[in-house]
Protein backbone atom coordinates (compact mmCIF):
# COMPACT_ATOMS: atom_id res chain seq x y z
CA UNK A 1 61.86 91.99 128.62
CA UNK A 2 63.01 89.45 131.21
CA UNK A 3 59.52 87.87 131.28
CA UNK A 4 59.72 87.43 127.50
CA UNK A 5 63.05 85.61 127.93
CA UNK A 6 61.36 83.12 130.23
CA UNK A 7 58.27 82.72 128.06
CA UNK A 8 58.73 79.47 126.16
CA UNK A 9 56.15 80.65 123.60
CA UNK A 10 58.07 83.86 122.90
CA UNK A 11 59.81 84.12 119.54
CA UNK A 12 63.57 84.11 120.17
CA UNK A 13 64.17 86.44 117.23
CA UNK A 14 61.73 88.99 118.62
CA UNK A 15 63.32 88.77 122.07
CA UNK A 16 66.82 89.31 120.68
CA UNK A 17 65.75 92.24 118.52
CA UNK A 18 64.26 94.14 121.47
CA UNK A 19 66.22 97.23 122.46
CA UNK A 20 66.76 95.79 125.94
CA UNK A 21 67.98 92.38 124.77
CA UNK A 22 71.73 92.98 124.94
CA UNK A 23 71.87 94.53 128.40
CA UNK A 24 69.32 92.12 129.88
CA UNK A 25 70.95 88.99 128.47
CA UNK A 26 74.40 90.27 129.40
CA UNK A 27 73.15 90.83 132.96
CA UNK A 28 71.68 87.34 133.12
CA UNK A 29 74.79 85.68 131.67
CA UNK A 30 76.92 87.23 134.43
CA UNK A 31 75.03 85.22 137.05
CA UNK A 32 76.61 82.03 138.40
CA UNK A 33 76.44 78.91 136.25
CA UNK A 34 73.29 76.99 137.09
CA UNK A 35 71.36 80.01 138.36
CA UNK A 36 67.83 80.49 137.05
CA UNK A 37 68.76 83.74 135.32
CA UNK A 38 71.78 82.35 133.52
CA UNK A 39 70.01 79.12 132.57
CA UNK A 40 67.13 81.09 131.00
CA UNK A 41 69.50 83.38 129.10
CA UNK A 42 71.60 80.47 127.85
CA UNK A 43 68.46 78.74 126.57
CA UNK A 44 67.51 81.84 124.55
CA UNK A 45 71.00 82.23 123.13
CA UNK A 46 71.21 78.50 122.30
CA UNK A 47 67.92 78.64 120.36
CA UNK A 48 68.80 81.75 118.42
CA UNK A 49 70.33 81.77 114.97
CA UNK A 50 74.00 82.71 115.24
CA UNK A 51 73.60 85.94 113.28
CA UNK A 52 70.96 87.18 115.74
CA UNK A 53 73.25 86.52 118.69
CA UNK A 54 76.31 88.13 117.10
CA UNK A 55 74.60 91.13 115.46
CA UNK A 56 73.98 93.24 118.59
CA UNK A 57 77.60 92.87 119.65
CA UNK A 58 78.95 93.91 116.25
CA UNK A 59 77.47 97.40 116.57
CA UNK A 60 80.29 99.62 117.92
CA UNK A 61 77.74 101.64 119.90
CA UNK A 62 76.65 98.60 121.91
CA UNK A 63 78.69 97.00 124.63
CA UNK A 64 78.04 93.50 125.88
């Protein structure tokens, strides 16, 4: 999953819909500002349509 986040050719929608997307992106976003992990995760989130970013966190069974 993390390789897909870094793959510039990967479809952002597909990455965000993967079962591992929420925990992996949450993990990456907890890294320090400017780190490679956080920068990659922020780029994915910035490219994604808002509803794809919000949807996983609206499910009460998913924690972010």
